[in-house]
All heavy atoms as atom14 arrays in JSON, in Angstrom:
{
  "sequence": "MSHGITDMSAIEAFLNMIPMNLYAVFGLAMVLATACLDLNVGSMRSHE",
  "atom14_mask": [
    [1, 1, 1, 1, 1, 1, 1, 1, 0, 0, 0, 0, 0, 0],
    [1, 1, 1, 1, 1, 1, 0, 0, 0, 0, 0, 0, 0, 0],
    [1, 1, 1, 1, 1, 1, 1, 1, 1, 1, 0, 0, 0, 0],
    [1, 1, 1, 1, 0, 0, 0, 0, 0, 0, 0, 0, 0, 0],
    [1, 1, 1, 1, 1, 1, 1, 1, 0, 0, 0, 0, 0, 0],
    [1, 1, 1, 1, 1, 1, 1, 0, 0, 0, 0, 0, 0, 0],
    [1, 1, 1, 1, 1, 1, 1, 1, 0, 0, 0, 0, 0, 0],
    [1, 1, 1, 1, 1, 1, 1, 1, 0, 0, 0, 0, 0, 0],
    [1, 1, 1, 1, 1, 1, 0, 0, 0, 0, 0, 0, 0, 0],
    [1, 1, 1, 1, 1, 0, 0, 0, 0, 0, 0, 0, 0, 0],
    [1, 1, 1, 1, 1, 1, 1, 1, 0, 0, 0, 0, 0, 0],
    [1, 1, 1, 1, 1, 1, 1, 1, 1, 0, 0, 0, 0, 0],
    [1, 1, 1, 1, 1, 0, 0, 0, 0, 0, 0, 0, 0, 0],
    [1, 1, 1, 1, 1, 1, 1, 1, 1, 1, 1, 0, 0, 0],
    [1, 1, 1, 1, 1, 1, 1, 1, 0, 0, 0, 0, 0, 0],
    [1, 1, 1, 1, 1, 1, 1, 1, 0, 0, 0, 0, 0, 0],
    [1, 1, 1, 1, 1, 1, 1, 1, 0, 0, 0, 0, 0, 0],
    [1, 1, 1, 1, 1, 1, 1, 1, 0, 0, 0, 0, 0, 0],
    [1, 1, 1, 1, 1, 1, 1, 0, 0, 0, 0, 0, 0, 0],
    [1, 1, 1, 1, 1, 1, 1, 1, 0, 0, 0, 0, 0, 0],
    [1, 1, 1, 1, 1, 1, 1, 1, 0, 0, 0, 0, 0, 0],
    [1, 1, 1, 1, 1, 1, 1, 1, 0, 0, 0, 0, 0, 0],
    [1, 1, 1, 1, 1, 1, 1, 1, 1, 1, 1, 1, 0, 0],
    [1, 1, 1, 1, 1, 0, 0, 0, 0, 0, 0, 0, 0, 0],
    [1, 1, 1, 1, 1, 1, 1, 0, 0, 0, 0, 0, 0, 0],
    [1, 1, 1, 1, 1, 1, 1, 1, 1, 1, 1, 0, 0, 0],
    [1, 1, 1, 1, 0, 0, 0, 0, 0, 0, 0, 0, 0, 0],
    [1, 1, 1, 1, 1, 1, 1, 1, 0, 0, 0, 0, 0, 0],
    [1, 1, 1, 1, 1, 0, 0, 0, 0, 0, 0, 0, 0, 0],
    [1, 1, 1, 1, 1, 1, 1, 1, 0, 0, 0, 0, 0, 0],
    [1, 1, 1, 1, 1, 1, 1, 0, 0, 0, 0, 0, 0, 0],
    [1, 1, 1, 1, 1, 1, 1, 1, 0, 0, 0, 0, 0, 0],
    [1, 1, 1, 1, 1, 0, 0, 0, 0, 0, 0, 0, 0, 0],
    [1, 1, 1, 1, 1, 1, 1, 0, 0, 0, 0, 0, 0, 0],
    [1, 1, 1, 1, 1, 0, 0, 0, 0, 0, 0, 0, 0, 0],
    [1, 1, 1, 1, 1, 1, 0, 0, 0, 0, 0, 0, 0, 0],
    [1, 1, 1, 1, 1, 1, 1, 1, 0, 0, 0, 0, 0, 0],
    [1, 1, 1, 1, 1, 1, 1, 1, 0, 0, 0, 0, 0, 0],
    [1, 1, 1, 1, 1, 1, 1, 1, 0, 0, 0, 0, 0, 0],
    [1, 1, 1, 1, 1, 1, 1, 1, 0, 0, 0, 0, 0, 0],
    [1, 1, 1, 1, 1, 1, 1, 0, 0, 0, 0, 0, 0, 0],
    [1, 1, 1, 1, 0, 0, 0, 0, 0, 0, 0, 0, 0, 0],
    [1, 1, 1, 1, 1, 1, 0, 0, 0, 0, 0, 0, 0, 0],
    [1, 1, 1, 1, 1, 1, 1, 1, 0, 0, 0, 0, 0, 0],
    [1, 1, 1, 1, 1, 1, 1, 1, 1, 1, 1, 0, 0, 0],
    [1, 1, 1, 1, 1, 1, 0, 0, 0, 0, 0, 0, 0, 0],
    [1, 1, 1, 1, 1, 1, 1, 1, 1, 1, 0, 0, 0, 0],
    [1, 1, 1, 1, 1, 1, 1, 1, 1, 0, 0, 0, 0, 0]
  ],
  "atom14_positions": [
    [[17.62, 23.07, 48.07], [18.75, 23.64, 47.32], [18.61, 25.15, 47.18], [19.58, 25.9, 47.33], [18.84, 22.99, 45.94], [20.05, 23.4, 45.12], [20.09, 22.57, 43.51], [20.21, 20.86, 44.05], [0.0, 0.0, 0.0], [0.0, 0.0, 0.0], [0.0, 0.0, 0.0], [0.0, 0.0, 0.0], [0.0, 0.0, 0.0], [0.0, 0.0, 0.0]],
    [[17.39, 25.61, 46.92], [17.18, 27.05, 46.72], [17.42, 27.84, 47.99], [17.71, 29.05, 47.94], [15.76, 27.3, 46.21], [14.8, 26.97, 47.19], [0.0, 0.0, 0.0], [0.0, 0.0, 0.0], [0.0, 0.0, 0.0], [0.0, 0.0, 0.0], [0.0, 0.0, 0.0], [0.0, 0.0, 0.0], [0.0, 0.0, 0.0], [0.0, 0.0, 0.0]],
    [[17.31, 27.18, 49.15], [17.52, 27.88, 50.42], [18.83, 27.48, 51.09], [19.05, 27.77, 52.27], [16.34, 27.61, 51.37], [15.04, 28.18, 50.89], [14.81, 29.53, 50.79], [13.91, 27.58, 50.44], [13.6, 29.74, 50.32], [13.03, 28.58, 50.1], [0.0, 0.0, 0.0], [0.0, 0.0, 0.0], [0.0, 0.0, 0.0], [0.0, 0.0, 0.0]],
    [[19.7, 26.81, 50.34], [21.05, 26.51, 50.83], [21.11, 25.5, 51.94], [22.04, 25.53, 52.76], [0.0, 0.0, 0.0], [0.0, 0.0, 0.0], [0.0, 0.0, 0.0], [0.0, 0.0, 0.0], [0.0, 0.0, 0.0], [0.0, 0.0, 0.0], [0.0, 0.0, 0.0], [0.0, 0.0, 0.0], [0.0, 0.0, 0.0], [0.0, 0.0, 0.0]],
    [[20.14, 24.61, 52.03], [20.15, 23.57, 53.07], [20.9, 22.37, 52.53], [20.45, 21.67, 51.62], [18.72, 23.17, 53.47], [17.95, 24.38, 54.02], [18.75, 22.05, 54.51], [16.5, 24.1, 54.32], [0.0, 0.0, 0.0], [0.0, 0.0, 0.0], [0.0, 0.0, 0.0], [0.0, 0.0, 0.0], [0.0, 0.0, 0.0], [0.0, 0.0, 0.0]],
    [[22.08, 22.11, 53.08], [22.96, 21.06, 52.56], [23.32, 20.01, 53.6], [24.06, 19.08, 53.29], [24.26, 21.68, 52.02], [24.89, 22.42, 53.07], [23.97, 22.63, 50.85], [0.0, 0.0, 0.0], [0.0, 0.0, 0.0], [0.0, 0.0, 0.0], [0.0, 0.0, 0.0], [0.0, 0.0, 0.0], [0.0, 0.0, 0.0], [0.0, 0.0, 0.0]],
    [[22.8, 20.15, 54.82], [23.19, 19.21, 55.87], [22.42, 17.9, 55.84], [22.66, 17.01, 56.65], [23.06, 19.86, 57.25], [21.65, 20.35, 57.52], [20.88, 20.5, 56.54], [21.3, 20.6, 58.7], [0.0, 0.0, 0.0], [0.0, 0.0, 0.0], [0.0, 0.0, 0.0], [0.0, 0.0, 0.0], [0.0, 0.0, 0.0], [0.0, 0.0, 0.0]],
    [[21.44, 17.78, 54.94], [20.73, 16.52, 54.77], [20.26, 16.4, 53.33], [20.05, 17.41, 52.63], [19.54, 16.4, 55.74], [18.37, 17.32, 55.45], [16.94, 16.98, 56.52], [17.55, 17.49, 58.12], [0.0, 0.0, 0.0], [0.0, 0.0, 0.0], [0.0, 0.0, 0.0], [0.0, 0.0, 0.0], [0.0, 0.0, 0.0], [0.0, 0.0, 0.0]],
    [[20.09, 15.15, 52.87], [19.61, 14.91, 51.51], [18.1, 15.04, 51.47], [17.42, 15.05, 52.51], [20.02, 13.52, 51.04], [19.37, 12.52, 51.83], [0.0, 0.0, 0.0], [0.0, 0.0, 0.0], [0.0, 0.0, 0.0], [0.0, 0.0, 0.0], [0.0, 0.0, 0.0], [0.0, 0.0, 0.0], [0.0, 0.0, 0.0], [0.0, 0.0, 0.0]],
    [[17.56, 15.11, 50.26], [16.11, 15.24, 50.1], [15.39, 14.01, 50.65], [14.34, 14.13, 51.3], [15.77, 15.46, 48.63], [0.0, 0.0, 0.0], [0.0, 0.0, 0.0], [0.0, 0.0, 0.0], [0.0, 0.0, 0.0], [0.0, 0.0, 0.0], [0.0, 0.0, 0.0], [0.0, 0.0, 0.0], [0.0, 0.0, 0.0], [0.0, 0.0, 0.0]],
    [[15.94, 12.82, 50.39], [15.27, 11.62, 50.88], [15.36, 11.53, 52.41], [14.43, 11.06, 53.08], [15.85, 10.34, 50.22], [15.0, 9.13, 50.62], [17.3, 10.12, 50.6], [15.31, 7.88, 49.85], [0.0, 0.0, 0.0], [0.0, 0.0, 0.0], [0.0, 0.0, 0.0], [0.0, 0.0, 0.0], [0.0, 0.0, 0.0], [0.0, 0.0, 0.0]],
    [[16.47, 12.0, 52.99], [16.58, 12.02, 54.44], [15.54, 12.97, 55.02], [14.9, 12.67, 56.05], [17.98, 12.46, 54.85], [18.23, 12.39, 56.34], [19.63, 12.84, 56.73], [20.43, 13.12, 55.82], [19.91, 12.91, 57.95], [0.0, 0.0, 0.0], [0.0, 0.0, 0.0], [0.0, 0.0, 0.0], [0.0, 0.0, 0.0], [0.0, 0.0, 0.0]],
    [[15.36, 14.12, 54.37], [14.34, 15.07, 54.82], [12.95, 14.44, 54.73], [12.12, 14.6, 55.64], [14.4, 16.34, 53.99], [0.0, 0.0, 0.0], [0.0, 0.0, 0.0], [0.0, 0.0, 0.0], [0.0, 0.0, 0.0], [0.0, 0.0, 0.0], [0.0, 0.0, 0.0], [0.0, 0.0, 0.0], [0.0, 0.0, 0.0], [0.0, 0.0, 0.0]],
    [[12.68, 13.72, 53.64], [11.39, 13.06, 53.46], [11.13, 12.06, 54.59], [10.04, 12.02, 55.17], [11.36, 12.35, 52.1], [10.07, 11.62, 51.82], [9.02, 12.25, 51.19], [9.91, 10.29, 52.19], [7.83, 11.58, 50.93], [8.74, 9.6, 51.94], [7.7, 10.26, 51.3], [0.0, 0.0, 0.0], [0.0, 0.0, 0.0], [0.0, 0.0, 0.0]],
    [[12.13, 11.25, 54.91], [11.97, 10.25, 55.97], [11.78, 10.92, 57.33], [10.99, 10.45, 58.16], [13.19, 9.32, 56.0], [13.37, 8.43, 54.76], [14.69, 7.67, 54.83], [12.22, 7.46, 54.61], [0.0, 0.0, 0.0], [0.0, 0.0, 0.0], [0.0, 0.0, 0.0], [0.0, 0.0, 0.0], [0.0, 0.0, 0.0], [0.0, 0.0, 0.0]],
    [[12.49, 12.03, 57.57], [12.32, 12.76, 58.83], [10.93, 13.37, 58.95], [10.43, 13.59, 60.07], [13.37, 13.86, 58.95], [14.76, 13.32, 59.24], [14.9, 12.23, 59.78], [15.78, 14.07, 58.87], [0.0, 0.0, 0.0], [0.0, 0.0, 0.0], [0.0, 0.0, 0.0], [0.0, 0.0, 0.0], [0.0, 0.0, 0.0], [0.0, 0.0, 0.0]],
    [[10.31, 13.65, 57.82], [8.99, 14.28, 57.81], [7.86, 13.29, 58.06], [6.72, 13.7, 58.3], [8.75, 14.99, 56.47], [9.53, 16.28, 56.33], [9.62, 16.82, 54.59], [7.88, 16.94, 54.19], [0.0, 0.0, 0.0], [0.0, 0.0, 0.0], [0.0, 0.0, 0.0], [0.0, 0.0, 0.0], [0.0, 0.0, 0.0], [0.0, 0.0, 0.0]],
    [[8.12, 11.98, 58.02], [7.05, 10.99, 58.17], [6.26, 11.17, 59.47], [5.02, 11.25, 59.45], [7.61, 9.56, 58.04], [8.01, 9.3, 56.58], [6.58, 8.52, 58.51], [8.66, 7.95, 56.34], [0.0, 0.0, 0.0], [0.0, 0.0, 0.0], [0.0, 0.0, 0.0], [0.0, 0.0, 0.0], [0.0, 0.0, 0.0], [0.0, 0.0, 0.0]],
    [[6.92, 11.28, 60.65], [6.12, 11.48, 61.88], [5.48, 12.86, 61.96], [4.61, 13.09, 62.81], [7.15, 11.28, 63.0], [8.47, 11.58, 62.37], [8.34, 11.11, 60.95], [0.0, 0.0, 0.0], [0.0, 0.0, 0.0], [0.0, 0.0, 0.0], [0.0, 0.0, 0.0], [0.0, 0.0, 0.0], [0.0, 0.0, 0.0], [0.0, 0.0, 0.0]],
    [[5.91, 13.79, 61.11], [5.31, 15.13, 61.08], [4.09, 15.19, 60.16], [3.32, 16.15, 60.22], [6.34, 16.16, 60.6], [7.65, 16.16, 61.35], [8.8, 17.34, 60.63], [10.36, 16.74, 61.27], [0.0, 0.0, 0.0], [0.0, 0.0, 0.0], [0.0, 0.0, 0.0], [0.0, 0.0, 0.0], [0.0, 0.0, 0.0], [0.0, 0.0, 0.0]],
    [[3.92, 14.18, 59.32], [2.78, 14.14, 58.4], [1.58, 13.55, 59.15], [1.19, 12.4, 58.97], [3.13, 13.28, 57.18], [2.17, 13.47, 56.03], [1.02, 13.87, 56.24], [2.61, 13.18, 54.83], [0.0, 0.0, 0.0], [0.0, 0.0, 0.0], [0.0, 0.0, 0.0], [0.0, 0.0, 0.0], [0.0, 0.0, 0.0], [0.0, 0.0, 0.0]],
    [[1.01, 14.37, 60.02], [0.05, 13.87, 61.0], [-1.22, 13.32, 60.37], [-1.75, 12.3, 60.83], [-0.3, 14.99, 61.98], [0.87, 15.55, 62.81], [0.39, 16.66, 63.73], [1.54, 14.44, 63.61], [0.0, 0.0, 0.0], [0.0, 0.0, 0.0], [0.0, 0.0, 0.0], [0.0, 0.0, 0.0], [0.0, 0.0, 0.0], [0.0, 0.0, 0.0]],
    [[-1.72, 13.95, 59.32], [-2.97, 13.44, 58.73], [-2.77, 12.05, 58.15], [-3.62, 11.17, 58.32], [-3.5, 14.39, 57.66], [-4.81, 13.91, 57.09], [-6.01, 14.21, 57.72], [-4.86, 13.12, 55.95], [-7.22, 13.73, 57.24], [-6.07, 12.64, 55.44], [-7.24, 12.95, 56.1], [-8.43, 12.47, 55.62], [0.0, 0.0, 0.0], [0.0, 0.0, 0.0]],
    [[-1.65, 11.84, 57.46], [-1.41, 10.53, 56.85], [-1.22, 9.46, 57.92], [-1.79, 8.37, 57.83], [-0.2, 10.6, 55.92], [0.0, 0.0, 0.0], [0.0, 0.0, 0.0], [0.0, 0.0, 0.0], [0.0, 0.0, 0.0], [0.0, 0.0, 0.0], [0.0, 0.0, 0.0], [0.0, 0.0, 0.0], [0.0, 0.0, 0.0], [0.0, 0.0, 0.0]],
    [[-0.43, 9.77, 58.94], [-0.15, 8.79, 60.0], [-1.43, 8.42, 60.75], [-1.76, 7.23, 60.92], [0.91, 9.34, 60.98], [1.03, 8.43, 62.2], [2.26, 9.47, 60.29], [0.0, 0.0, 0.0], [0.0, 0.0, 0.0], [0.0, 0.0, 0.0], [0.0, 0.0, 0.0], [0.0, 0.0, 0.0], [0.0, 0.0, 0.0], [0.0, 0.0, 0.0]],
    [[-2.17, 9.43, 61.2], [-3.36, 9.14, 62.0], [-4.56, 8.77, 61.12], [-5.51, 8.14, 61.59], [-3.68, 10.32, 62.91], [-2.71, 10.43, 64.05], [-1.68, 11.37, 64.0], [-2.78, 9.58, 65.14], [-0.76, 11.47, 65.04], [-1.86, 9.66, 66.17], [-0.84, 10.6, 66.12], [0.0, 0.0, 0.0], [0.0, 0.0, 0.0], [0.0, 0.0, 0.0]],
    [[-4.5, 9.13, 59.83], [-5.51, 8.63, 58.9], [-5.41, 7.12, 58.77], [-6.43, 6.41, 58.78], [0.0, 0.0, 0.0], [0.0, 0.0, 0.0], [0.0, 0.0, 0.0], [0.0, 0.0, 0.0], [0.0, 0.0, 0.0], [0.0, 0.0, 0.0], [0.0, 0.0, 0.0], [0.0, 0.0, 0.0], [0.0, 0.0, 0.0], [0.0, 0.0, 0.0]],
    [[-4.18, 6.61, 58.65], [-3.97, 5.16, 58.61], [-4.37, 4.52, 59.94], [-4.96, 3.43, 59.97], [-2.51, 4.84, 58.29], [-2.08, 4.97, 56.83], [-0.57, 4.77, 56.71], [-2.81, 3.95, 55.97], [0.0, 0.0, 0.0], [0.0, 0.0, 0.0], [0.0, 0.0, 0.0], [0.0, 0.0, 0.0], [0.0, 0.0, 0.0], [0.0, 0.0, 0.0]],
    [[-4.03, 5.2, 61.04], [-4.41, 4.66, 62.36], [-5.93, 4.58, 62.49], [-6.46, 3.62, 63.06], [-3.82, 5.54, 63.46], [0.0, 0.0, 0.0], [0.0, 0.0, 0.0], [0.0, 0.0, 0.0], [0.0, 0.0, 0.0], [0.0, 0.0, 0.0], [0.0, 0.0, 0.0], [0.0, 0.0, 0.0], [0.0, 0.0, 0.0], [0.0, 0.0, 0.0]],
    [[-6.64, 5.58, 61.95], [-8.1, 5.55, 62.01], [-8.67, 4.42, 61.16], [-9.66, 3.77, 61.55], [-8.67, 6.9, 61.56], [-10.2, 6.94, 61.51], [-10.98, 6.55, 63.1], [-10.81, 8.11, 63.96], [0.0, 0.0, 0.0], [0.0, 0.0, 0.0], [0.0, 0.0, 0.0], [0.0, 0.0, 0.0], [0.0, 0.0, 0.0], [0.0, 0.0, 0.0]],
    [[-8.06, 4.15, 60.02], [-8.5, 3.04, 59.18], [-8.36, 1.73, 59.95], [-9.26, 0.88, 59.94], [-7.7, 2.99, 57.86], [-7.97, 1.7, 57.12], [-8.06, 4.18, 56.98], [0.0, 0.0, 0.0], [0.0, 0.0, 0.0], [0.0, 0.0, 0.0], [0.0, 0.0, 0.0], [0.0, 0.0, 0.0], [0.0, 0.0, 0.0], [0.0, 0.0, 0.0]],
    [[-7.22, 1.54, 60.6], [-7.0, 0.33, 61.38], [-7.99, 0.24, 62.54], [-8.55, -0.83, 62.82], [-5.57, 0.3, 61.91], [-4.48, 0.03, 60.87], [-3.09, 0.27, 61.46], [-4.58, -1.41, 60.36], [0.0, 0.0, 0.0], [0.0, 0.0, 0.0], [0.0, 0.0, 0.0], [0.0, 0.0, 0.0], [0.0, 0.0, 0.0], [0.0, 0.0, 0.0]],
    [[-8.22, 1.36, 63.22], [-9.19, 1.36, 64.33], [-10.59, 1.07, 63.83], [-11.35, 0.32, 64.46], [-9.15, 2.72, 65.04], [0.0, 0.0, 0.0], [0.0, 0.0, 0.0], [0.0, 0.0, 0.0], [0.0, 0.0, 0.0], [0.0, 0.0, 0.0], [0.0, 0.0, 0.0], [0.0, 0.0, 0.0], [0.0, 0.0, 0.0], [0.0, 0.0, 0.0]],
    [[-10.94, 1.63, 62.68], [-12.26, 1.39, 62.1], [-12.44, -0.07, 61.74], [-13.51, -0.67, 61.95], [-12.46, 2.27, 60.85], [-12.35, 3.65, 61.22], [-13.82, 2.04, 60.22], [0.0, 0.0, 0.0], [0.0, 0.0, 0.0], [0.0, 0.0, 0.0], [0.0, 0.0, 0.0], [0.0, 0.0, 0.0], [0.0, 0.0, 0.0], [0.0, 0.0, 0.0]],
    [[-11.38, -0.68, 61.19], [-11.45, -2.09, 60.8], [-11.51, -3.0, 62.04], [-12.31, -3.94, 62.08], [-10.25, -2.45, 59.93], [0.0, 0.0, 0.0], [0.0, 0.0, 0.0], [0.0, 0.0, 0.0], [0.0, 0.0, 0.0], [0.0, 0.0, 0.0], [0.0, 0.0, 0.0], [0.0, 0.0, 0.0], [0.0, 0.0, 0.0], [0.0, 0.0, 0.0]],
    [[-10.69, -2.7, 63.03], [-10.64, -3.56, 64.22], [-11.89, -3.42, 65.09], [-12.4, -4.41, 65.61], [-9.4, -3.22, 65.05], [-7.83, -3.67, 64.28], [0.0, 0.0, 0.0], [0.0, 0.0, 0.0], [0.0, 0.0, 0.0], [0.0, 0.0, 0.0], [0.0, 0.0, 0.0], [0.0, 0.0, 0.0], [0.0, 0.0, 0.0], [0.0, 0.0, 0.0]],
    [[-12.34, -2.19, 65.26], [-13.45, -1.92, 66.18], [-14.78, -1.77, 65.46], [-15.81, -1.56, 66.11], [-13.15, -0.65, 66.98], [-11.84, -0.65, 67.78], [-11.61, 0.7, 68.42], [-11.85, -1.76, 68.82], [0.0, 0.0, 0.0], [0.0, 0.0, 0.0], [0.0, 0.0, 0.0], [0.0, 0.0, 0.0], [0.0, 0.0, 0.0], [0.0, 0.0, 0.0]],
    [[-14.75, -1.87, 64.12], [-15.97, -1.73, 63.3], [-16.69, -0.42, 63.63], [-17.87, -0.4, 63.96], [-16.9, -2.92, 63.52], [-17.85, -3.12, 62.33], [-17.54, -2.61, 61.23], [-18.89, -3.77, 62.51], [0.0, 0.0, 0.0], [0.0, 0.0, 0.0], [0.0, 0.0, 0.0], [0.0, 0.0, 0.0], [0.0, 0.0, 0.0], [0.0, 0.0, 0.0]],
    [[-15.95, 0.68, 63.53], [-16.49, 2.0, 63.84], [-17.34, 2.51, 62.67], [-16.87, 2.58, 61.54], [-15.35, 3.0, 64.12], [-14.37, 2.62, 65.23], [-13.28, 3.67, 65.35], [-15.11, 2.43, 66.56], [0.0, 0.0, 0.0], [0.0, 0.0, 0.0], [0.0, 0.0, 0.0], [0.0, 0.0, 0.0], [0.0, 0.0, 0.0], [0.0, 0.0, 0.0]],
    [[-18.58, 2.86, 62.95], [-19.49, 3.35, 61.92], [-20.2, 4.58, 62.44], [-21.06, 4.49, 63.31], [-20.52, 2.27, 61.55], [-19.86, 0.99, 61.1], [-19.1, 0.97, 60.15], [-20.13, -0.1, 61.82], [0.0, 0.0, 0.0], [0.0, 0.0, 0.0], [0.0, 0.0, 0.0], [0.0, 0.0, 0.0], [0.0, 0.0, 0.0], [0.0, 0.0, 0.0]],
    [[-19.84, 5.74, 61.89], [-20.43, 6.99, 62.35], [-21.0, 7.76, 61.16], [-20.65, 7.5, 60.01], [-19.39, 7.87, 63.09], [-18.89, 7.18, 64.33], [-18.22, 8.22, 62.17], [0.0, 0.0, 0.0], [0.0, 0.0, 0.0], [0.0, 0.0, 0.0], [0.0, 0.0, 0.0], [0.0, 0.0, 0.0], [0.0, 0.0, 0.0], [0.0, 0.0, 0.0]],
    [[-21.89, 8.7, 61.46], [-22.49, 9.49, 60.4], [-23.33, 8.63, 59.47], [-23.95, 7.64, 59.89], [0.0, 0.0, 0.0], [0.0, 0.0, 0.0], [0.0, 0.0, 0.0], [0.0, 0.0, 0.0], [0.0, 0.0, 0.0], [0.0, 0.0, 0.0], [0.0, 0.0, 0.0], [0.0, 0.0, 0.0], [0.0, 0.0, 0.0], [0.0, 0.0, 0.0]],
    [[-23.34, 8.97, 58.2], [-24.15, 8.23, 57.23], [-23.6, 6.82, 56.97], [-24.29, 5.98, 56.39], [-24.23, 9.0, 55.91], [-22.94, 9.25, 55.39], [0.0, 0.0, 0.0], [0.0, 0.0, 0.0], [0.0, 0.0, 0.0], [0.0, 0.0, 0.0], [0.0, 0.0, 0.0], [0.0, 0.0, 0.0], [0.0, 0.0, 0.0], [0.0, 0.0, 0.0]],
    [[-22.36, 6.56, 57.42], [-21.82, 5.21, 57.28], [-22.67, 4.21, 58.05], [-22.79, 3.03, 57.66], [-20.38, 5.16, 57.79], [-19.67, 3.84, 57.54], [-19.23, 3.61, 55.81], [-17.73, 4.59, 55.73], [0.0, 0.0, 0.0], [0.0, 0.0, 0.0], [0.0, 0.0, 0.0], [0.0, 0.0, 0.0], [0.0, 0.0, 0.0], [0.0, 0.0, 0.0]],
    [[-23.3, 4.63, 59.13], [-24.12, 3.72, 59.93], [-25.29, 3.16, 59.12], [-25.58, 1.96, 59.17], [-24.66, 4.44, 61.17], [-23.58, 4.76, 62.19], [-24.18, 5.26, 63.48], [-24.95, 6.47, 63.29], [-25.62, 7.09, 64.25], [-25.63, 6.59, 65.47], [-26.29, 8.21, 64.01], [0.0, 0.0, 0.0], [0.0, 0.0, 0.0], [0.0, 0.0, 0.0]],
    [[-25.96, 4.03, 58.36], [-27.12, 3.56, 57.59], [-26.67, 2.62, 56.47], [-27.34, 1.64, 56.16], [-27.89, 4.75, 57.01], [-27.07, 5.51, 56.14], [0.0, 0.0, 0.0], [0.0, 0.0, 0.0], [0.0, 0.0, 0.0], [0.0, 0.0, 0.0], [0.0, 0.0, 0.0], [0.0, 0.0, 0.0], [0.0, 0.0, 0.0], [0.0, 0.0, 0.0]],
    [[-25.52, 2.91, 55.86], [-25.01, 2.02, 54.81], [-24.65, 0.65, 55.39], [-24.91, -0.38, 54.76], [-23.79, 2.66, 54.14], [-24.13, 3.75, 53.17], [-24.39, 3.51, 51.84], [-24.27, 5.07, 53.35], [-24.67, 4.65, 51.24], [-24.61, 5.62, 52.13], [0.0, 0.0, 0.0], [0.0, 0.0, 0.0], [0.0, 0.0, 0.0], [0.0, 0.0, 0.0]],
    [[-24.04, 0.65, 56.56], [-23.7, -0.62, 57.19], [-24.94, -1.39, 57.63], [-25.0, -2.61, 57.51], [-22.78, -0.36, 58.38], [-21.35, -0.06, 58.02], [-20.66, -1.26, 57.4], [-20.2, -2.14, 58.14], [-20.59, -1.32, 56.16], [0.0, 0.0, 0.0], [0.0, 0.0, 0.0], [0.0, 0.0, 0.0], [0.0, 0.0, 0.0], [0.0, 0.0, 0.0]]
  ]
}
């Protein structure tokens, strides 16, 4: 609103930003990969 952007709503902008939120998207992908492939690196190896 402060910059005069009126061609989309705030929620539409939020939804469009989902594939641009790279850390969140690939962070979830890494969690799934870690769970499926049982990936253990760094100090996680000793704990496992």
